[in-house]
Amino acid sequence: MAVTATPASQASEAESGRAGIELRGVTKRYGGNVALREVDLEIRDGEFFCLLGPSGCGKTTTLNLIGGFVGPTEGTIWLRGRRIDNLPPHKRPVNTVFQSYALFPHMSVRDNVGFGLRMDGVKRAEASQRVNEALALVGLEDYGDRTPAQLSGGQQQRVAVARALVKRPAVLLLDEPLGALDLKLRQRLQVELTQIHREVGTTFVYVTHDQEEAMSMADRIAVMNLGVIEQLGTPFEIYRRPTSRFVADFIGDANFFDVNVDGSVAVLSDGTRVPLEGARTSGPATLMVRPESLRIGDADSAPAGAVPGRAVKSSFLGTRVRVAVHTEASVVPLMVAMHGEAQSSVPAEDAEIAVWWAPEDAIVLDSSRGES
């Protein structure tokens, strides 16, 4: 039997987009430092939601505000229609999983998972059943009698997740829980966490600075910078349609061109005119194209609007070949990602080539505001 974090009806409410967590005009100051600035945010009930951004962007502060570890300077926080920013942490239906695991070394795995239930006075029979369910959920039903020292790092992290879920919280907060693990283990646990999320239906709020981790796990992502939310959307929207240069640069790799927009054409700094998708307001702007959207070939057979250049360096990266191309249209070399059969036509270094892309693969960003 799986741990049931929320009633069955919650799944349909999550699908209908019901707000589980709401931050309304929330600001957090530490003296003269503004960690969070007038944030309005809705996290849907039952959603796997990621707060993503560099160090100091405000993502952990947001998590701590939801958990009650700090209070807002301004604004209010709501959970399922109930205001919670005036409640202490232990009175909120919220549990947290930290990067450090914070397991009791002298207790068995079973006792670690059941500790919170004992503190809440749950009857022994019920507590034992719930602990067994939680251990089965994370695949550790045969490890209950071991101590944390007898477990691997990944197993300890799963114990921490089980301990948080056994209390059946409405919201599970995860503060970079996989940051201390090696790459392959981290990738495996990313899959396991998403499976656990689907199983229990609890709202997960996950903090990370790892773009790939957020993209692989989240239903939606809030990209944060300097205490504000730069963009909120699905992984596809964040990656394919960034609304600012910061988001485009932070999520994955990107090539940028300084251009002048002339209706449905962008004029690059070398004079090349490239078509745009749809009419645009004329003026200076930034053009962004992802490396995998670029195509390269002989300059003589390239289509109209191709950018002339020279292959500088080709790097084999397993699943793709990355080609650096020098052009007069960009201050730094363009990065081209070649996948599949395209890898058989990697240009020789110093070869004169051309680079082009489909109009729908280019994003125009306003140079003055950094917005799409």
Foldseek 3Di string as FASTA:
>chain_A
DAQALDDPVQVVQLVVFAFFKWWAQFWADDVPATLAGGETDTDGQLFAEEEAEDPSQNQVVVLCQLQQVDATPDTFMDGNRHTPSPDHNVPALEEEQEQVLPFDQVAFLLCRLLVVVVVVVPDPVVSNVLSCNLCVLLVNNVRRGHGPVVDDLLVSSSSSVSSRPSSSGLEYEYEPNCVVDDDVSSVVVLVSVLVSSVVHSHHYYYYDHDLVSCLVRGQKYFYGGSNYGQDIGHSCCQAQPNFFVVSPPSRAHKDKFWWWFDFQWTQFPVRQIAGADGTDDTGIWMKIFHQAQKDKDAPVPDDRRWFKWFWADWDDDPQWIWTFTDGPRGPGTDIHTGGDPRVVVDDDGRDIMTMDGDNSRMYIAGPVPRGD
